[in-house]
Amino acid sequence: MFMFARLLAMLMACLTMPAILAPVRAEAPHTFDGKHDISVINLTVAYLVPKDREALPDWRERVDYYMDRISRFHERESGGVSKLKIQVHPEPLISGKPAQELRGDEPNATFFNSVNEVAALLKWNQEKPEGFPILLVLSEINWRELDDFTRLRQLDGQPMFDGNLAPDGRHFPGAESGGARAIYDPEKGLGIGLVSADGWRVPYSGSDCVVYHEGVGHAIGLPHPEPADDSVMCFGQYHYWINQTWVTPEQKLALGWPAHSGPVPLDFGGSSNLFTAFTALQSPIVPQPGEAVTLKLTWPKDAKVSVIQVRIQTDLQGPWLTLPSRPGVEPPAELALGTFDRVTPVSYRVNVVLEDGQKVELRGYFQVKAQAP
């Protein structure tokens, strides 16, 4: 079994990792410290389920969604000089331990219990595949019990909200009960990440940032930038989808990636690239029962629409309902979701195809509440 306990001091937890001065840029794409080539990153992804839990029925679609998001972001930000080679294990990995045993007593124990088991089950990195190796575990659980669809945990027998809300009520990842972690081992030349359930199962805006932040960024040695900003390695997950954030020019230089000298953030809204420019945000941000809800859309320049498909889900284990849509060629500024007759969480997914062949899927989440915040 792989044992990573000696790396505990190097554990990189979101919002706790100290800032590090960037080293001198390497001649070719390398880890942040310049020690290991990242021209190709071999990312092995596994979905870990405790033996007393059930896998999500559509787990593979969810995983593939995040893999597509982080691949496009990595290609854009690295300028194509670093390639993500992603291999998703084809079945959920069923742990030999129940949830509570897998958790242990605190988040670091959850991390090591989880990644050790997955590495052993997969015999990960024993064959030394091409590229810099990273193991990314997407967990079915958090380090504490949490219903991440309602974002409620039980405290002294009472439901308590545990999540990250913007002042306007918009949901972003980041729960005290979560426990996402990552490490970079410069001696062995590898990275390991764990994204807990609250970081990926439900598609809050910014969940794709979490998957990249832990599963690629920290795993290749990237620290949180100083001064703090809204880049993907800092606070991006609390404000944006991943297409709206960035890797800082200083970090790009340290990685051997091309870095522009213009202002940051870029004018993503002015891009002609569908992945970069497209957003779909509910309005109102916190609808009430019986209130009409729409998705406000942003588009790339000169977009001509071929297909728009919108689906919603009000039960994490339930089906996705496809809404009727008859778009014209001109991109709509908004799409109607209809009304909800009761208080409920809602996940949504929007698939778009343009006439020039560009495609994108974007997912989001909101809660219908009895009264606005």
Protein backbone atom coordinates (compact mmCIF):
# COMPACT_ATOMS: atom_id res chain seq x y z
CA MET A 1 0.00 0.00 0.00
CA PHE A 2 1.18 3.50 -0.76
CA MET A 3 1.92 5.42 2.42
CA PHE A 4 2.12 9.21 2.23
CA ALA A 5 2.27 10.03 5.93
CA ARG A 6 5.77 11.44 5.59
CA LEU A 7 4.30 14.10 3.31
CA LEU A 8 1.84 15.39 5.88
CA ALA A 9 3.84 18.56 6.47
CA MET A 10 3.59 19.32 2.76
CA LEU A 11 -0.20 18.94 2.68
CA MET A 12 -1.76 21.75 0.71
CA ALA A 13 -5.25 22.59 1.92
CA CYS A 14 -7.22 25.30 0.18
CA LEU A 15 -6.86 28.69 1.97
CA THR A 16 -4.11 27.39 4.29
CA MET A 17 -1.15 27.08 1.96
CA PRO A 18 1.43 29.86 2.42
CA ALA A 19 2.51 32.03 -0.48
CA ILE A 20 5.86 31.12 -2.06
CA LEU A 21 8.05 33.31 -4.22
CA ALA A 22 8.13 32.12 -7.81
CA PRO A 23 11.39 30.47 -8.90
CA VAL A 24 13.16 31.40 -12.11
CA ARG A 25 11.29 30.26 -15.19
CA ALA A 26 12.39 26.88 -16.54
CA GLU A 27 13.25 26.48 -20.23
CA ALA A 28 10.44 23.94 -20.76
CA PRO A 29 7.16 23.36 -18.93
CA HIS A 30 8.02 22.24 -15.41
CA THR A 31 6.57 21.98 -11.95
CA PHE A 32 6.59 25.19 -9.94
CA ASP A 33 10.01 24.40 -8.45
CA GLY A 34 11.45 23.62 -11.90
CA LYS A 35 12.33 20.01 -11.00
CA HIS A 36 9.96 17.94 -13.14
CA ASP A 37 8.79 18.16 -16.73
CA ILE A 38 5.06 18.77 -17.18
CA SER A 39 4.94 18.85 -20.97
CA VAL A 40 2.57 15.93 -20.43
CA ILE A 41 0.62 15.49 -17.18
CA ASN A 42 -0.70 11.97 -16.69
CA LEU A 43 -3.83 12.51 -14.58
CA THR A 44 -5.43 9.36 -13.16
CA VAL A 45 -8.93 10.00 -11.81
CA ALA A 46 -10.95 7.68 -9.56
CA TYR A 47 -14.35 7.97 -7.88
CA LEU A 48 -14.12 6.54 -4.35
CA VAL A 49 -17.27 5.26 -2.63
CA PRO A 50 -17.31 3.89 0.96
CA LYS A 51 -18.71 0.37 1.24
CA ASP A 52 -21.81 1.64 3.07
CA ARG A 53 -22.72 4.21 0.38
CA GLU A 54 -24.14 4.06 -3.13
CA ALA A 55 -22.47 5.59 -6.18
CA LEU A 56 -24.27 8.42 -7.93
CA PRO A 57 -26.29 6.99 -10.83
CA ASP A 58 -24.80 9.51 -13.28
CA TRP A 59 -21.35 9.71 -11.68
CA ARG A 60 -19.49 9.26 -14.96
CA GLU A 61 -21.28 12.16 -16.66
CA ARG A 62 -20.39 14.38 -13.71
CA VAL A 63 -16.75 13.32 -13.74
CA ASP A 64 -16.49 13.75 -17.51
CA TYR A 65 -17.97 17.24 -17.22
CA TYR A 66 -15.20 18.34 -14.85
CA MET A 67 -12.51 16.66 -16.91
CA ASP A 68 -13.68 18.57 -19.98
CA ARG A 69 -13.71 21.85 -18.04
CA ILE A 70 -10.22 21.50 -16.57
CA SER A 71 -8.77 20.22 -19.87
CA ARG A 72 -9.99 23.27 -21.76
CA PHE A 73 -8.77 25.60 -19.03
CA HIS A 74 -5.35 23.95 -18.90
CA GLU A 75 -4.98 24.11 -22.68
CA ARG A 76 -5.89 27.80 -22.70
CA GLU A 77 -3.76 28.87 -19.76
CA SER A 78 -0.68 26.83 -20.69
CA GLY A 79 -0.86 28.03 -24.28
CA GLY A 80 -0.86 24.38 -25.32
CA VAL A 81 2.68 23.72 -24.10
CA SER A 82 1.45 21.42 -21.31
CA LYS A 83 -0.99 18.61 -22.12
CA LEU A 84 -3.40 16.95 -19.72
CA LYS A 85 -3.62 13.23 -20.47
CA ILE A 86 -6.63 12.10 -18.43
CA GLN A 87 -7.57 8.52 -17.59
CA VAL A 88 -10.79 8.03 -15.60
CA HIS A 89 -11.14 4.65 -13.90
CA PRO A 90 -14.16 3.08 -15.62
CA GLU A 91 -16.00 1.98 -12.46
CA PRO A 92 -16.48 3.48 -9.01
CA LEU A 93 -13.86 2.22 -6.59
CA ILE A 94 -15.69 0.67 -3.64
CA SER A 95 -13.69 1.14 -0.46
CA GLY A 96 -13.20 -1.70 1.96
CA LYS A 97 -14.13 0.75 4.72
CA PRO A 98 -17.41 2.40 5.73
CA ALA A 99 -17.65 6.18 5.56
CA GLN A 100 -16.81 6.88 9.18
CA GLU A 101 -13.72 4.67 9.16
CA LEU A 102 -12.56 6.21 5.90
CA ARG A 103 -12.93 9.68 7.41
CA GLY A 104 -10.88 9.07 10.52
CA ASP A 105 -10.82 11.83 13.12
CA GLU A 106 -9.94 14.88 11.02
CA PRO A 107 -9.57 16.05 7.39
CA ASN A 108 -5.92 15.04 6.98
CA ALA A 109 -6.79 11.51 8.06
CA THR A 110 -9.60 11.47 5.49
CA PHE A 111 -7.12 12.53 2.82
CA PHE A 112 -4.52 9.88 3.56
CA ASN A 113 -7.04 7.10 4.15
CA SER A 114 -8.67 7.89 0.81
CA VAL A 115 -5.63 8.34 -1.41
CA ASN A 116 -3.75 5.41 0.13
CA GLU A 117 -6.65 3.08 -0.59
CA VAL A 118 -7.15 4.29 -4.15
CA ALA A 119 -3.43 4.14 -4.94
CA ALA A 120 -3.29 0.57 -3.64
CA LEU A 121 -6.41 -0.57 -5.49
CA LEU A 122 -5.19 0.90 -8.77
CA LYS A 123 -1.52 0.00 -8.21
CA TRP A 124 -1.05 3.61 -9.21
CA ASN A 125 2.26 4.85 -10.64
CA GLN A 126 3.94 1.47 -10.48
CA GLU A 127 4.33 1.29 -14.26
CA LYS A 128 5.60 4.89 -14.60
CA PRO A 129 3.37 6.01 -17.50
CA GLU A 130 4.32 8.86 -19.80
CA GLY A 131 4.26 12.29 -18.23
CA PHE A 132 4.16 13.76 -14.76
CA PRO A 133 1.89 11.51 -12.65
CA ILE A 134 -1.03 12.88 -10.64
CA LEU A 135 -3.65 10.84 -8.80
CA LEU A 136 -6.95 12.65 -8.31
CA VAL A 137 -9.56 11.08 -6.04
CA LEU A 138 -13.14 12.34 -6.25
CA SER A 139 -14.81 11.23 -3.04
CA GLU A 140 -18.44 10.36 -2.38
CA ILE A 141 -18.12 11.79 1.15
CA ASN A 142 -16.85 14.79 3.07
CA TRP A 143 -14.73 14.53 6.18
CA ARG A 144 -17.89 15.21 8.18
CA GLU A 145 -21.42 14.09 7.34
CA LEU A 146 -23.01 16.65 5.00
CA ASP A 147 -25.88 16.57 2.56
CA ASP A 148 -24.15 18.55 -0.15
CA PHE A 149 -27.29 18.92 -2.29
CA THR A 150 -29.15 20.80 0.46
CA ARG A 151 -25.82 21.91 2.03
CA LEU A 152 -27.11 20.94 5.47
CA ARG A 153 -25.44 18.97 8.26
CA GLN A 154 -26.91 17.90 11.55
CA LEU A 155 -25.58 19.68 14.62
CA ASP A 156 -27.06 18.70 17.98
CA GLY A 157 -29.98 17.21 16.12
CA GLN A 158 -30.73 20.36 14.15
CA PRO A 159 -30.02 21.04 10.46
CA MET A 160 -27.35 23.72 9.95
CA PHE A 161 -26.24 25.28 6.67
CA ASP A 162 -22.63 24.42 5.84
CA GLY A 163 -21.45 26.00 2.63
CA ASN A 164 -20.22 29.16 0.98
CA LEU A 165 -22.71 31.86 0.00
CA ALA A 166 -22.02 35.16 -1.73
CA PRO A 167 -23.78 38.21 -0.22
CA ASP A 168 -26.47 37.93 -2.92
CA GLY A 169 -27.14 34.27 -2.03
CA ARG A 170 -25.22 32.67 -4.91
CA HIS A 171 -23.71 29.29 -4.00
CA PHE A 172 -20.01 28.51 -4.32
CA PRO A 173 -17.99 25.50 -3.11
CA GLY A 174 -16.36 25.67 0.29
CA ALA A 175 -17.87 23.90 3.29
CA GLU A 176 -16.24 23.44 6.68
CA SER A 177 -17.23 19.78 6.39
CA GLY A 178 -15.57 19.41 2.96
CA GLY A 179 -11.88 18.62 3.31
CA ALA A 180 -10.31 18.89 -0.18
CA ARG A 181 -6.53 18.49 -0.08
CA ALA A 182 -3.49 18.03 -2.35
CA ILE A 183 0.24 17.33 -2.14
CA TYR A 184 3.21 17.67 -4.46
CA ASP A 185 6.20 15.40 -3.77
CA PRO A 186 9.31 16.88 -5.40
CA GLU A 187 11.47 13.89 -4.46
CA LYS A 188 9.27 11.24 -6.09
CA GLY A 189 8.06 13.58 -8.81
CA LEU A 190 4.31 13.12 -8.37
CA GLY A 191 1.16 14.88 -7.18
CA ILE A 192 -1.95 13.68 -5.36
CA GLY A 193 -5.30 15.42 -4.90
CA LEU A 194 -8.55 14.69 -3.09
CA VAL A 195 -11.75 16.58 -3.85
CA SER A 196 -14.41 15.82 -1.26
CA ALA A 197 -18.10 15.49 -2.12
CA ASP A 198 -18.97 19.15 -1.54
CA GLY A 199 -16.30 20.16 -4.04
CA TRP A 200 -17.66 18.29 -7.07
CA ARG A 201 -20.87 16.24 -6.77
CA VAL A 202 -23.17 19.26 -6.96
CA PRO A 203 -22.18 21.82 -9.62
CA TYR A 204 -22.03 25.06 -7.66
CA SER A 205 -20.37 27.84 -9.66
CA GLY A 206 -16.65 27.36 -9.04
CA SER A 207 -16.69 23.59 -8.45
CA ASP A 208 -14.69 23.21 -11.66
CA CYS A 209 -12.13 25.61 -10.13
CA VAL A 210 -11.82 23.32 -7.08
CA VAL A 211 -11.15 20.26 -9.23
CA TYR A 212 -8.35 22.08 -11.06
CA HIS A 213 -7.01 23.85 -7.95
CA GLU A 214 -6.47 20.59 -6.07
CA GLY A 215 -6.21 18.07 -8.89
CA VAL A 216 -3.69 19.93 -11.05
CA GLY A 217 -2.56 23.24 -9.51
CA HIS A 218 -1.35 22.20 -6.06
CA ALA A 219 -0.35 18.79 -7.44
CA ILE A 220 2.28 20.44 -9.69
CA GLY A 221 3.46 22.60 -6.80
CA LEU A 222 1.52 25.82 -7.38
CA PRO A 223 0.99 27.80 -4.16
CA HIS A 224 -1.68 30.37 -3.39
CA PRO A 225 -0.46 33.59 -5.05
CA GLU A 226 0.62 36.62 -3.07
CA PRO A 227 -0.99 39.10 -3.04
CA ALA A 228 -4.29 37.25 -2.96
CA ASP A 229 -6.45 37.57 -6.08
CA ASP A 230 -9.29 35.88 -7.95
CA SER A 231 -7.11 33.49 -9.94
CA VAL A 232 -7.77 29.75 -9.95
CA MET A 233 -5.08 29.17 -7.29
CA CYS A 234 -6.63 31.68 -4.91
CA PHE A 235 -10.21 32.91 -4.63
CA GLY A 236 -11.46 32.09 -8.13
CA GLN A 237 -13.72 29.31 -6.87
CA TYR A 238 -15.64 31.82 -4.74
CA HIS A 239 -16.50 34.12 -7.64
CA TYR A 240 -16.40 32.34 -11.01
CA TRP A 241 -16.71 29.32 -13.19
CA ILE A 242 -13.25 28.19 -14.27
CA ASN A 243 -13.57 29.74 -17.74
CA GLN A 244 -13.75 33.17 -16.05
CA THR A 245 -10.57 32.80 -14.03
CA TRP A 246 -6.86 32.36 -14.81
CA VAL A 247 -3.36 31.32 -13.76
CA THR A 248 -1.34 34.41 -12.83
CA PRO A 249 1.39 35.61 -15.23
CA GLU A 250 3.98 35.13 -12.47
CA GLN A 251 2.94 31.52 -11.94
CA LYS A 252 2.89 30.89 -15.67
CA LEU A 253 6.46 32.13 -15.97
CA ALA A 254 7.51 29.85 -13.12
CA LEU A 255 5.91 26.90 -14.93
CA GLY A 256 7.54 27.73 -18.25
CA TRP A 257 4.20 28.70 -19.80
CA PRO A 258 3.76 31.71 -22.07
CA ALA A 259 2.52 34.70 -20.07
CA HIS A 260 0.96 37.85 -21.54
CA SER A 261 1.97 41.25 -20.22
CA GLY A 262 -1.47 42.86 -20.34
CA PRO A 263 -3.98 43.44 -17.55
CA VAL A 264 -5.38 40.59 -15.46
CA PRO A 265 -8.13 39.53 -15.58
CA LEU A 266 -8.47 39.47 -19.33
CA ASP A 267 -11.59 40.54 -21.18
CA PHE A 268 -13.05 37.04 -21.20
CA GLY A 269 -16.44 38.40 -22.24
CA GLY A 270 -14.93 39.80 -25.43
CA SER A 271 -13.52 36.46 -26.55
CA SER A 272 -14.68 34.63 -29.66
CA ASN A 273 -14.14 31.30 -27.87
CA LEU A 274 -17.34 29.65 -26.62
CA PHE A 275 -15.76 27.96 -23.58
CA THR A 276 -14.19 31.22 -22.45
CA ALA A 277 -17.12 33.57 -22.99
CA PHE A 278 -20.22 31.50 -22.21
CA THR A 279 -21.98 31.83 -18.86
CA ALA A 280 -25.50 30.95 -17.70
CA LEU A 281 -26.61 32.37 -14.34
CA GLN A 282 -30.06 32.13 -12.81
CA SER A 283 -32.19 35.23 -12.25
CA PRO A 284 -33.23 35.95 -9.61
CA ILE A 285 -30.22 34.53 -7.79
CA VAL A 286 -32.49 33.22 -4.99
CA PRO A 287 -35.96 32.64 -6.45
CA GLN A 288 -39.03 32.04 -4.33
CA PRO A 289 -41.73 29.41 -4.93
CA GLY A 290 -43.97 30.47 -7.80
CA GLU A 291 -41.49 33.04 -9.11
CA ALA A 292 -40.40 32.84 -12.75
CA VAL A 293 -36.73 31.88 -13.13
CA THR A 294 -34.55 32.51 -16.17
CA LEU A 295 -30.94 31.88 -17.09
CA LYS A 296 -29.07 35.04 -18.13
CA LEU A 297 -26.57 34.13 -20.84
CA THR A 298 -23.33 35.64 -22.10
CA TRP A 299 -21.94 34.70 -25.51
CA PRO A 300 -18.74 34.99 -27.56
CA LYS A 301 -18.49 37.60 -30.26
CA ASP A 302 -20.46 36.90 -33.45
CA ALA A 303 -21.92 33.65 -32.11
CA LYS A 304 -24.49 31.84 -34.26
CA VAL A 305 -26.44 29.19 -32.39
CA SER A 306 -27.18 25.71 -33.70
CA VAL A 307 -28.37 23.88 -30.54
CA ILE A 308 -29.28 24.81 -26.97
CA GLN A 309 -30.39 22.16 -24.50
CA VAL A 310 -31.28 22.90 -20.85
CA ARG A 311 -31.83 20.27 -18.17
CA ILE A 312 -32.65 20.61 -14.48
CA GLN A 313 -32.54 18.30 -11.47
CA THR A 314 -34.23 18.72 -8.08
CA ASP A 315 -33.03 15.43 -6.55
CA LEU A 316 -29.38 14.40 -6.64
CA GLN A 317 -30.37 10.76 -7.12
CA GLY A 318 -33.18 11.60 -9.52
CA PRO A 319 -33.47 12.17 -13.28
CA TRP A 320 -32.61 15.25 -15.28
CA LEU A 321 -35.63 16.94 -16.84
CA THR A 322 -35.06 18.34 -20.33
CA LEU A 323 -36.79 21.67 -20.91
CA PRO A 324 -38.24 22.63 -24.31
CA SER A 325 -36.00 24.94 -26.31
CA ARG A 326 -36.32 26.29 -29.85
CA PRO A 327 -33.46 28.73 -30.31
CA GLY A 328 -32.96 30.85 -33.34
CA VAL A 329 -29.61 31.54 -34.92
CA GLU A 330 -29.12 34.70 -32.87
CA PRO A 331 -27.96 33.84 -29.35
CA PRO A 332 -30.66 34.55 -26.74
CA ALA A 333 -29.92 36.81 -23.79
CA GLU A 334 -31.93 34.56 -21.50
CA LEU A 335 -33.72 31.22 -21.30
CA ALA A 336 -36.79 30.44 -19.20
CA LEU A 337 -36.55 27.72 -16.55
CA GLY A 338 -40.16 28.14 -15.45
CA THR A 339 -41.34 28.24 -11.84
CA PHE A 340 -40.88 25.95 -8.84
CA ASP A 341 -43.84 25.30 -6.58
CA ARG A 342 -41.86 24.59 -3.42
CA VAL A 343 -38.59 25.19 -1.61
CA THR A 344 -35.95 23.03 -3.32
CA PRO A 345 -32.34 22.88 -4.47
CA VAL A 346 -31.92 22.94 -8.26
CA SER A 347 -29.00 21.84 -10.42
CA TYR A 348 -28.99 22.85 -14.08
CA ARG A 349 -26.93 22.07 -17.13
CA VAL A 350 -26.81 23.94 -20.43
CA ASN A 351 -25.40 22.40 -23.60
CA VAL A 352 -24.68 24.69 -26.54
CA VAL A 353 -23.47 24.03 -30.08
CA LEU A 354 -22.60 26.92 -32.39
CA GLU A 355 -22.83 26.87 -36.18
CA ASP A 356 -19.02 26.97 -36.38
CA GLY A 357 -18.86 23.67 -34.46
CA GLN A 358 -17.87 24.97 -31.03
CA LYS A 359 -19.52 23.10 -28.15
CA VAL A 360 -19.74 23.67 -24.42
CA GLU A 361 -21.54 22.34 -21.37
CA LEU A 362 -21.99 24.54 -18.31
CA ARG A 363 -23.54 23.49 -15.01
CA GLY A 364 -24.83 25.50 -12.09
CA TYR A 365 -26.89 25.33 -8.91
CA PHE A 366 -29.27 27.43 -6.86
CA GLN A 367 -31.84 27.07 -4.10
CA VAL A 368 -35.48 28.12 -4.23
CA LYS A 369 -36.24 29.59 -0.81
CA ALA A 370 -39.30 30.81 0.99
CA GLN A 371 -37.86 34.34 1.12
CA ALA A 372 -35.01 36.16 -0.60
CA PRO A 373 -31.80 36.84 1.42
